[in-house]
C-alpha atoms as a PDB file:
ATOM      1  CA  MET A   1      51.988  24.253  44.616  1.00  0.00           C
ATOM      2  CA  MET A   2      48.945  26.725  44.765  1.00  0.00           C
ATOM      3  CA  THR A   3      49.491  30.330  42.420  1.00  0.00           C
ATOM      4  CA  ARG A   4      47.646  33.661  43.427  1.00  0.00           C
ATOM      5  CA  VAL A   5      45.686  34.995  41.526  1.00  0.00           C
ATOM      6  CA  TRP A   6      46.340  38.965  41.728  1.00  0.00           C
ATOM      7  CA  THR A   7      43.290  41.263  41.650  1.00  0.00           C
ATOM      8  CA  GLU A   8      43.533  44.638  39.600  1.00  0.00           C
ATOM      9  CA  GLU A   9      43.629  46.543  42.563  1.00  0.00           C
ATOM     10  CA  GLN A  10      46.174  44.668  44.087  1.00  0.00           C
ATOM     11  CA  ILE A  11      48.777  45.220  41.085  1.00  0.00           C
ATOM     12  CA  ARG A  12      47.871  48.739  41.461  1.00  0.00           C
ATOM     13  CA  SER A  13      48.880  49.218  44.855  1.00  0.00           C
ATOM     14  CA  LEU A  14      52.311  47.680  43.948  1.00  0.00           C
ATOM     15  CA  GLY A  15      52.964  51.334  43.152  1.00  0.00           C
ATOM     16  CA  THR A  16      55.389  52.402  40.230  1.00  0.00           C
ATOM     17  CA  LEU A  17      57.844  49.898  40.422  1.00  0.00           C
ATOM     18  CA  THR A  18      58.293  46.286  41.749  1.00  0.00           C
ATOM     19  CA  ASP A  19      60.472  43.742  41.877  1.00  0.00           C
ATOM     20  CA  LEU A  20      60.854  40.857  39.551  1.00  0.00           C
ATOM     21  CA  VAL A  21      59.677  38.085  41.739  1.00  0.00           C
ATOM     22  CA  THR A  22      56.536  39.770  42.240  1.00  0.00           C
ATOM     23  CA  ALA A  23      56.063  41.015  38.357  1.00  0.00           C
ATOM     24  CA  GLY A  24      56.334  37.600  37.782  1.00  0.00           C
ATOM     25  CA  SER A  25      54.095  36.164  40.249  1.00  0.00           C
ATOM     26  CA  VAL A  26      51.463  38.868  38.583  1.00  0.00           C
ATOM     27  CA  LEU A  27      52.204  36.968  35.274  1.00  0.00           C
ATOM     28  CA  GLY A  28      51.662  33.471  36.536  1.00  0.00           C
ATOM     29  CA  MET A  29      55.583  32.295  36.997  1.00  0.00           C
ATOM     30  CA  GLY A  30      57.829  31.253  39.584  1.00  0.00           C
ATOM     31  CA  ARG A  31      61.082  33.114  41.001  1.00  0.00           C
ATOM     32  CA  THR A  32      63.242  30.661  38.907  1.00  0.00           C
ATOM     33  CA  THR A  33      61.617  31.033  35.832  1.00  0.00           C
ATOM     34  CA  SER A  34      61.708  35.357  36.230  1.00  0.00           C
ATOM     35  CA  HIS A  35      65.241  35.835  37.021  1.00  0.00           C
ATOM     36  CA  ARG A  36      65.812  32.983  33.895  1.00  0.00           C
ATOM     37  CA  LEU A  37      63.690  35.178  31.317  1.00  0.00           C
ATOM     38  CA  ALA A  38      65.094  38.679  33.049  1.00  0.00           C
ATOM     39  CA  ARG A  39      68.902  37.169  32.821  1.00  0.00           C
ATOM     40  CA  GLU A  40      67.939  36.201  28.690  1.00  0.00           C
ATOM     41  CA  GLY A  41      66.078  39.281  27.919  1.00  0.00           C
ATOM     42  CA  GLN A  42      63.127  37.575  27.602  1.00  0.00           C
ATOM     43  CA  PHE A  43      60.884  38.997  30.165  1.00  0.00           C
ATOM     44  CA  PRO A  44      57.655  39.947  28.953  1.00  0.00           C
ATOM     45  CA  VAL A  45      57.915  43.444  29.952  1.00  0.00           C
ATOM     46  CA  PRO A  46      61.001  45.814  29.935  1.00  0.00           C
ATOM     47  CA  VAL A  47      63.213  44.957  32.899  1.00  0.00           C
ATOM     48  CA  LEU A  48      65.045  47.669  34.891  1.00  0.00           C
ATOM     49  CA  ARG A  49      68.553  46.449  36.473  1.00  0.00           C
ATOM     50  CA  HIS A  50      69.709  48.918  39.435  1.00  0.00           C
ATOM     51  CA  MET A  51      72.275  48.242  42.030  1.00  0.00           C
ATOM     52  CA  GLY A  52      71.837  44.761  41.059  1.00  0.00           C
ATOM     53  CA  ARG A  53      68.311  44.242  41.602  1.00  0.00           C
ATOM     54  CA  TYR A  54      65.864  43.852  39.043  1.00  0.00           C
ATOM     55  CA  ARG A  55      62.945  46.176  39.195  1.00  0.00           C
ATOM     56  CA  VAL A  56      59.678  46.287  36.618  1.00  0.00           C
ATOM     57  CA  PRO A  57      57.316  49.080  35.717  1.00  0.00           C
ATOM     58  CA  VAL A  58      53.994  48.192  37.176  1.00  0.00           C
ATOM     59  CA  ALA A  59      52.440  50.278  34.573  1.00  0.00           C
ATOM     60  CA  ARG A  60      53.797  47.721  31.694  1.00  0.00           C
ATOM     61  CA  LEU A  61      52.419  44.879  33.727  1.00  0.00           C
ATOM     62  CA  LEU A  62      49.312  46.535  33.344  1.00  0.00           C
ATOM     63  CA  ASP A  63      49.585  47.294  29.753  1.00  0.00           C
ATOM     64  CA  LEU A  64      50.426  43.674  28.991  1.00  0.00           C
ATOM     65  CA  LEU A  65      47.630  42.662  30.954  1.00  0.00           C
ATOM     66  CA  GLY A  66      44.860  45.003  29.330  1.00  0.00           C
ATOM     67  CA  LEU A  67      44.461  47.399  32.547  1.00  0.00           C
ATOM     68  CA  ASP A  68      46.457  49.925  31.148  1.00  0.00           C
ATOM     69  CA  ARG A  69      43.364  52.500  31.742  1.00  0.00           C
ATOM     70  CA  PRO A  70      42.456  53.336  35.544  1.00  0.00           C
ATOM     71  CA  THR A  71      39.197  52.022  36.261  1.00  0.00           C
ATOM     72  CA  ALA A  72      36.480  54.438  36.469  1.00  0.00           C
ATOM     73  CA  ARG A  73      35.159  55.283  40.195  1.00  0.00           C
ATOM     74  CA  PRO A  74      31.932  56.351  40.902  1.00  0.00           C
ATOM     75  CA  PRO A  75      31.521  59.678  42.296  1.00  0.00           C
ATOM     76  CA  GLY A  76      32.647  60.270  46.020  1.00  0.00           C
ATOM     77  CA  ALA A  77      33.860  56.631  46.240  1.00  0.00           C
END
């Protein structure tokens, strides 16, 4: 199985919230592990549960990965 490698730009483009499986993928986890950890309250970042679905704040993923500060863009970019 090939693991997807996420770039900072791709993670930031997810928006404010993302689904649990995508968040798990960003952290190198599969679907089953992501759901198990969320159920057990052990997912590496806080998980929100709304209407039976898990959502993960992208900002918390960025914090965990040390990418919590926006990247500087050159003037005119």
